[in-house]
């Protein structure tokens, strides 16, 4: 017997995209629910700016409990030298997780057309223990996949790679 409604419903269920409630990576200490990579441009960053991580105020809007928003800011880069397509990977560790972010530097850089920018990665995290150790590791490689151990974006000083930034995220304990 032909049932077009049942088939249509089945296809809709199969085509439903992942929701924000599904974890990208489940680790012992936390679940990473989303990763959003963007860029900041047009700022006049000081010459001593370094990659950093910011933990935004927690919210309890999630049905499972407290949500932490973590923002990882990368090194200053240049549009004529570096790809804005930052590859990310989440790896579980014993006390939390590590976000690996890989930048690709072009083999033939056009230094004259450089527009400075900085990668910004926003993570939605559900801590599963009182303290979660979060690391961001910034790596740089060439288009031929060769990893770089140092690089420079003029006028900024040379940086050693990989660059590791570590933060401890604490879960807010609700009073009962």
C-alpha atoms as a PDB file:
ATOM      1  CA  UNK A   1       0.000   0.000   0.000  1.00  0.00           C
ATOM      2  CA  UNK A   2       1.372   3.418  -0.988  1.00  0.00           C
ATOM      3  CA  UNK A   3       1.623   5.916   1.928  1.00  0.00           C
ATOM      4  CA  UNK A   4       3.128   9.191   0.759  1.00  0.00           C
ATOM      5  CA  UNK A   5       2.711  10.917   4.131  1.00  0.00           C
ATOM      6  CA  UNK A   6       4.665   8.259   6.002  1.00  0.00           C
ATOM      7  CA  UNK A   7       7.483   8.357   3.441  1.00  0.00           C
ATOM      8  CA  UNK A   8       7.564  12.163   3.496  1.00  0.00           C
ATOM      9  CA  UNK A   9       7.771  12.158   7.289  1.00  0.00           C
ATOM     10  CA  UNK A  10      10.583   9.590   7.260  1.00  0.00           C
ATOM     11  CA  UNK A  11      12.602  11.676   4.801  1.00  0.00           C
ATOM     12  CA  UNK A  12      12.085  14.794   6.925  1.00  0.00           C
ATOM     13  CA  UNK A  13      13.356  13.004  10.019  1.00  0.00           C
ATOM     14  CA  UNK A  14      16.448  11.772   8.180  1.00  0.00           C
ATOM     15  CA  UNK A  15      17.210  15.240   6.821  1.00  0.00           C
ATOM     16  CA  UNK A  16      16.884  17.055  10.164  1.00  0.00           C
ATOM     17  CA  UNK A  17      20.162  18.846  10.962  1.00  0.00           C
ATOM     18  CA  UNK A  18      21.923  18.353  14.294  1.00  0.00           C
ATOM     19  CA  UNK A  19      20.593  20.568  17.037  1.00  0.00           C
ATOM     20  CA  UNK A  20      22.557  22.597  19.555  1.00  0.00           C
ATOM     21  CA  UNK A  21      21.647  19.988  22.191  1.00  0.00           C
ATOM     22  CA  UNK A  22      23.842  17.304  20.579  1.00  0.00           C
ATOM     23  CA  UNK A  23      27.455  17.194  21.717  1.00  0.00           C
ATOM     24  CA  UNK A  24      30.249  17.600  19.175  1.00  0.00           C
ATOM     25  CA  UNK A  25      32.602  15.936  21.660  1.00  0.00           C
ATOM     26  CA  UNK A  26      31.835  14.324  25.015  1.00  0.00           C
ATOM     27  CA  UNK A  27      34.769  14.309  27.397  1.00  0.00           C
ATOM     28  CA  UNK A  28      35.026  13.244  31.041  1.00  0.00           C
ATOM     29  CA  UNK A  29      34.914  16.833  32.290  1.00  0.00           C
ATOM     30  CA  UNK A  30      32.741  18.577  29.712  1.00  0.00           C
ATOM     31  CA  UNK A  31      30.655  18.355  26.575  1.00  0.00           C
ATOM     32  CA  UNK A  32      31.511  20.681  23.701  1.00  0.00           C
ATOM     33  CA  UNK A  33      28.171  21.518  22.070  1.00  0.00           C
ATOM     34  CA  UNK A  34      29.159  24.028  19.388  1.00  0.00           C
ATOM     35  CA  UNK A  35      32.191  25.593  17.719  1.00  0.00           C
ATOM     36  CA  UNK A  36      31.861  28.827  15.757  1.00  0.00           C
ATOM     37  CA  UNK A  37      34.915  30.165  13.913  1.00  0.00           C
ATOM     38  CA  UNK A  38      34.929  33.823  12.863  1.00  0.00           C
ATOM     39  CA  UNK A  39      37.406  36.663  12.403  1.00  0.00           C
ATOM     40  CA  UNK A  40      38.022  40.107  13.828  1.00  0.00           C
ATOM     41  CA  UNK A  41      39.361  42.770  11.482  1.00  0.00           C
ATOM     42  CA  UNK A  42      39.928  46.487  11.359  1.00  0.00           C
ATOM     43  CA  UNK A  43      41.393  46.835  14.836  1.00  0.00           C
ATOM     44  CA  UNK A  44      44.675  48.439  15.759  1.00  0.00           C
ATOM     45  CA  UNK A  45      46.094  45.701  17.977  1.00  0.00           C
ATOM     46  CA  UNK A  46      49.127  46.526  20.116  1.00  0.00           C
ATOM     47  CA  UNK A  47      52.416  44.893  19.108  1.00  0.00           C
ATOM     48  CA  UNK A  48      52.423  42.731  22.256  1.00  0.00           C
ATOM     49  CA  UNK A  49      49.006  41.085  21.629  1.00  0.00           C
ATOM     50  CA  UNK A  50      49.043  37.317  22.168  1.00  0.00           C
ATOM     51  CA  UNK A  51      46.498  34.517  21.778  1.00  0.00           C
ATOM     52  CA  UNK A  52      44.132  34.363  24.747  1.00  0.00           C
ATOM     53  CA  UNK A  53      40.991  32.718  26.044  1.00  0.00           C
ATOM     54  CA  UNK A  54      37.984  34.395  27.636  1.00  0.00           C
ATOM     55  CA  UNK A  55      35.263  32.668  29.639  1.00  0.00           C
ATOM     56  CA  UNK A  56      31.989  34.588  29.322  1.00  0.00           C
ATOM     57  CA  UNK A  57      29.449  34.684  32.174  1.00  0.00           C
ATOM     58  CA  UNK A  58      27.649  31.376  32.586  1.00  0.00           C
ATOM     59  CA  UNK A  59      23.967  30.958  31.891  1.00  0.00           C
ATOM     60  CA  UNK A  60      21.588  28.245  33.004  1.00  0.00           C
ATOM     61  CA  UNK A  61      19.363  28.388  29.931  1.00  0.00           C
ATOM     62  CA  UNK A  62      20.172  24.804  28.990  1.00  0.00           C
ATOM     63  CA  UNK A  63      17.877  22.019  30.139  1.00  0.00           C
ATOM     64  CA  UNK A  64      20.904  20.004  31.348  1.00  0.00           C
ATOM     65  CA  UNK A  65      22.332  22.772  33.532  1.00  0.00           C
ATOM     66  CA  UNK A  66      24.942  25.483  33.215  1.00  0.00           C
ATOM     67  CA  UNK A  67      26.415  26.594  29.883  1.00  0.00           C
ATOM     68  CA  UNK A  68      29.880  28.113  29.570  1.00  0.00           C
ATOM     69  CA  UNK A  69      30.789  30.224  26.559  1.00  0.00           C
ATOM     70  CA  UNK A  70      34.512  30.174  25.875  1.00  0.00           C
ATOM     71  CA  UNK A  71      36.102  32.472  23.310  1.00  0.00           C
ATOM     72  CA  UNK A  72      39.605  31.692  22.031  1.00  0.00           C
ATOM     73  CA  UNK A  73      41.404  34.525  20.250  1.00  0.00           C
ATOM     74  CA  UNK A  74      44.290  33.558  17.985  1.00  0.00           C
ATOM     75  CA  UNK A  75      47.403  35.354  16.790  1.00  0.00           C
ATOM     76  CA  UNK A  76      47.343  38.372  14.501  1.00  0.00           C
ATOM     77  CA  UNK A  77      47.397  37.183  10.887  1.00  0.00           C
ATOM     78  CA  UNK A  78      47.272  38.757   7.429  1.00  0.00           C
ATOM     79  CA  UNK A  79      44.830  38.158   4.572  1.00  0.00           C
ATOM     80  CA  UNK A  80      47.573  38.030   1.937  1.00  0.00           C
ATOM     81  CA  UNK A  81      49.524  35.461   3.942  1.00  0.00           C
ATOM     82  CA  UNK A  82      47.047  33.289   5.866  1.00  0.00           C
ATOM     83  CA  UNK A  83      43.838  31.429   5.073  1.00  0.00           C
ATOM     84  CA  UNK A  84      40.730  32.408   7.045  1.00  0.00           C
ATOM     85  CA  UNK A  85      39.626  28.770   6.919  1.00  0.00           C
ATOM     86  CA  UNK A  86      40.768  27.667  10.390  1.00  0.00           C
ATOM     87  CA  UNK A  87      40.547  23.896  10.917  1.00  0.00           C
ATOM     88  CA  UNK A  88      39.417  22.867  14.408  1.00  0.00           C
ATOM     89  CA  UNK A  89      39.533  19.609  16.321  1.00  0.00           C
ATOM     90  CA  UNK A  90      38.456  18.819  19.908  1.00  0.00           C
ATOM     91  CA  UNK A  91      40.502  16.212  21.791  1.00  0.00           C
ATOM     92  CA  UNK A  92      39.560  14.911  25.248  1.00  0.00           C
ATOM     93  CA  UNK A  93      42.160  15.109  28.016  1.00  0.00           C
ATOM     94  CA  UNK A  94      42.216  13.713  31.538  1.00  0.00           C
ATOM     95  CA  UNK A  95      40.750  16.873  33.127  1.00  0.00           C
ATOM     96  CA  UNK A  96      38.878  18.496  30.236  1.00  0.00           C
ATOM     97  CA  UNK A  97      39.594  19.016  26.547  1.00  0.00           C
ATOM     98  CA  UNK A  98      41.977  20.582  24.042  1.00  0.00           C
ATOM     99  CA  UNK A  99      40.873  22.616  21.035  1.00  0.00           C
ATOM    100  CA  UNK A 100      43.397  22.369  18.231  1.00  0.00           C
ATOM    101  CA  UNK A 101      43.159  25.215  15.722  1.00  0.00           C
ATOM    102  CA  UNK A 102      45.268  25.006  12.565  1.00  0.00           C
ATOM    103  CA  UNK A 103      46.084  28.053  10.453  1.00  0.00           C
ATOM    104  CA  UNK A 104      47.321  27.640   6.866  1.00  0.00           C
ATOM    105  CA  UNK A 105      49.987  30.047   5.628  1.00  0.00           C
ATOM    106  CA  UNK A 106      50.196  30.515   1.868  1.00  0.00           C
ATOM    107  CA  UNK A 107      53.466  29.508   0.206  1.00  0.00           C
ATOM    108  CA  UNK A 108      53.457  32.635  -1.950  1.00  0.00           C
ATOM    109  CA  UNK A 109      52.373  35.459   0.329  1.00  0.00           C
ATOM    110  CA  UNK A 110      51.228  38.809  -1.023  1.00  0.00           C
ATOM    111  CA  UNK A 111      52.527  41.036   1.769  1.00  0.00           C
ATOM    112  CA  UNK A 112      51.485  44.244  -0.047  1.00  0.00           C
ATOM    113  CA  UNK A 113      47.766  43.352   0.152  1.00  0.00           C
ATOM    114  CA  UNK A 114      47.752  42.418   3.826  1.00  0.00           C
ATOM    115  CA  UNK A 115      44.727  43.235   5.908  1.00  0.00           C
ATOM    116  CA  UNK A 116      45.342  42.251   9.505  1.00  0.00           C
ATOM    117  CA  UNK A 117      42.837  39.938  11.180  1.00  0.00           C
ATOM    118  CA  UNK A 118      42.557  37.668  14.166  1.00  0.00           C
ATOM    119  CA  UNK A 119      40.735  34.317  14.420  1.00  0.00           C
ATOM    120  CA  UNK A 120      37.987  34.063  17.045  1.00  0.00           C
ATOM    121  CA  UNK A 121      36.595  30.678  18.059  1.00  0.00           C
ATOM    122  CA  UNK A 122      33.500  30.552  20.259  1.00  0.00           C
ATOM    123  CA  UNK A 123      32.703  27.310  22.074  1.00  0.00           C
ATOM    124  CA  UNK A 124      29.525  26.359  23.908  1.00  0.00           C
ATOM    125  CA  UNK A 125      30.514  24.004  26.717  1.00  0.00           C
ATOM    126  CA  UNK A 126      28.541  22.092  29.356  1.00  0.00           C
ATOM    127  CA  UNK A 127      30.912  21.455  32.278  1.00  0.00           C
ATOM    128  CA  UNK A 128      30.369  18.023  33.835  1.00  0.00           C
ATOM    129  CA  UNK A 129      32.652  18.533  36.821  1.00  0.00           C
ATOM    130  CA  UNK A 130      33.544  21.401  39.177  1.00  0.00           C
ATOM    131  CA  UNK A 131      36.704  22.349  37.258  1.00  0.00           C
ATOM    132  CA  UNK A 132      37.457  21.737  33.595  1.00  0.00           C
ATOM    133  CA  UNK A 133      40.891  22.376  32.097  1.00  0.00           C
ATOM    134  CA  UNK A 134      40.498  23.891  28.623  1.00  0.00           C
ATOM    135  CA  UNK A 135      43.470  24.258  26.294  1.00  0.00           C
ATOM    136  CA  UNK A 136      43.624  25.970  22.932  1.00  0.00           C
ATOM    137  CA  UNK A 137      46.569  24.960  20.777  1.00  0.00           C
ATOM    138  CA  UNK A 138      47.228  27.189  17.757  1.00  0.00           C
ATOM    139  CA  UNK A 139      49.222  25.456  15.011  1.00  0.00           C
ATOM    140  CA  UNK A 140      50.446  26.822  11.706  1.00  0.00           C
ATOM    141  CA  UNK A 141      51.266  24.888   8.563  1.00  0.00           C
ATOM    142  CA  UNK A 142      52.095  25.692   4.984  1.00  0.00           C
ATOM    143  CA  UNK A 143      49.849  24.766   2.051  1.00  0.00           C
ATOM    144  CA  UNK A 144      52.137  21.741   1.465  1.00  0.00           C
ATOM    145  CA  UNK A 145      51.140  20.519   4.993  1.00  0.00           C
ATOM    146  CA  UNK A 146      54.576  21.222   6.530  1.00  0.00           C
ATOM    147  CA  UNK A 147      54.120  22.351  10.159  1.00  0.00           C
ATOM    148  CA  UNK A 148      55.807  25.634  11.044  1.00  0.00           C
ATOM    149  CA  UNK A 149      57.597  26.118  14.356  1.00  0.00           C
ATOM    150  CA  UNK A 150      57.692  29.912  13.980  1.00  0.00           C
ATOM    151  CA  UNK A 151      56.116  32.599  11.824  1.00  0.00           C
ATOM    152  CA  UNK A 152      55.874  36.372  11.634  1.00  0.00           C
ATOM    153  CA  UNK A 153      53.091  38.692  10.497  1.00  0.00           C
ATOM    154  CA  UNK A 154      54.591  42.165   9.906  1.00  0.00           C
ATOM    155  CA  UNK A 155      54.743  44.470  11.855  1.00  0.00           C
ATOM    156  CA  UNK A 156      54.273  41.994  14.748  1.00  0.00           C
ATOM    157  CA  UNK A 157      57.177  40.051  16.258  1.00  0.00           C
ATOM    158  CA  UNK A 158      57.888  36.441  15.358  1.00  0.00           C
ATOM    159  CA  UNK A 159      55.867  33.814  17.233  1.00  0.00           C
ATOM    160  CA  UNK A 160      56.778  30.247  18.096  1.00  0.00           C
ATOM    161  CA  UNK A 161      54.269  27.528  17.177  1.00  0.00           C
ATOM    162  CA  UNK A 162      52.386  25.709  18.508  1.00  0.00           C
ATOM    163  CA  UNK A 163      50.969  28.352  20.861  1.00  0.00           C
ATOM    164  CA  UNK A 164      49.129  26.894  23.863  1.00  0.00           C
ATOM    165  CA  UNK A 165      46.672  28.823  26.049  1.00  0.00           C
ATOM    166  CA  UNK A 166      45.183  27.118  29.126  1.00  0.00           C
ATOM    167  CA  UNK A 167      42.220  28.137  31.305  1.00  0.00           C
ATOM    168  CA  UNK A 168      40.332  26.450  34.087  1.00  0.00           C
ATOM    169  CA  UNK A 169      36.566  26.726  33.760  1.00  0.00           C
ATOM    170  CA  UNK A 170      34.592  26.267  36.954  1.00  0.00           C
ATOM    171  CA  UNK A 171      31.016  25.103  37.070  1.00  0.00           C
ATOM    172  CA  UNK A 172      28.743  27.401  39.029  1.00  0.00           C
ATOM    173  CA  UNK A 173      27.166  25.547  41.916  1.00  0.00           C
ATOM    174  CA  UNK A 174      23.521  26.524  42.501  1.00  0.00           C
ATOM    175  CA  UNK A 175      22.433  27.091  46.119  1.00  0.00           C
ATOM    176  CA  UNK A 176      19.598  24.837  47.181  1.00  0.00           C
END
